């Protein structure tokens, strides 16, 4: 509004200047017209006097009068020509005024449409902004999530490298064999003994290895049929020993003997338990584990092991925590064992690595799913924001267009042309009167 007031005040100043100019021109034209009328009336009086014979004029004056008449005729012709020229100007001004009026009307219509579009666009932008405010996402948070996932992937890959290295150094960890027949169910092959149980306490590694010995590498299968079929078809490279889980005879220690051994150990402030009771395994493999680790006690000390092994009511093999075996027949088997070279130690470390790898794999998978969901929401946010930015730019252009609208300037031009037309009509009227 302030800009329009300034424009209007400027127009008023210009109109005042034009009005002063026009008034000055009109005053000059009136003076000229008055002089011409007086000259014309004087000439008419002299002409009437001559025609009536009331006045005789010298030949020189007659010639002068004749020249004035000729001059008047020329002036008349010039006046007629000027009238025609001004008529052409009048038609041109009227046409220009009509054209600008039509343009103003069209411009006003465009202005209304632009204002409506601005209102609608502003509503859309405000609505979208409210929706964007509800998005709790950012490119920075997404990059942080990707970085966190990268760290877990890097850690998981580290575990994977260690696992591969252990597998390369311990080929027994992987059970490689050929299927004995088409569509063979590999679930029938359970694995090597050392792969099929877990240890409740690391202190039992030495005695368990001492008890099981090479049986730890035996291959457990579901039935004797499977073992015979695999032996017949030479499914494994090299020699191997199978334990058919359904046929193997377990070596279970009688409950009364186990209770007596436990009581003896307690009397010596120690502990003793059947070896197979100190491991965890699938109940399906109970017969196999009682066969491999059956008939033997693991004792907390050498004293307890000796006492139980040679007790006349027990007479079962006993192993202390150092892996020394006390046989009731009188033999003692044992010696130094490097626990770091123990297959159970190595496989236990392998299982820990595998567990860490699997745990990290689950975390990475979960994080990938979360990152994917976050990325979708972030893409939706960015797309919505970009669309809104485009609308905001469009709104800016529309406002600029509205501010630079020519309807007011066109109206000023109409008024200026109308003044020129009015002046021209007045001038034409004066010329005709002359």
Foldseek 3Di string as FASTA:
>chain_A
DVVVVVVVVVLVVVVVVVVVVLVVVVVVVVVVVVVVVVVVVVLVVVVVCVVVVVDDDDPVVVVVSVVVVVVVVVVLVVLVVVLVVLVVVLVVLVVVLVVLVVVLVVLVVVLVVLVVVLVVLVVVLVVLVVVLVPQPADPVVLVVLVVVLVVLVVVLVVLVVVLVVLCVVPVLVDDAWDALDPPDDPVQWPHFQLVFKAFPDPLCLQQLCLQQPPSSSATEGQAVVVVVSCVVSVGDPDDHHYDHQVPAAFQAADPVLQVVLQVLQVVVVWGKGQPLVRMDGDPSNVRVSRRRRNQEMEIADPVSQVCSCQDPVHNTWYAYSQNWIQHNVGDIDHDHDDVVPRPSVSVVVSVVSVVSSVVSVVVSVVSVVVSVVSVVSVVVSVVSVVVSVVSVVVSVVSVVCSVPRCSVVSVSVSVVSVVVSVSSVVSSVVSVVD
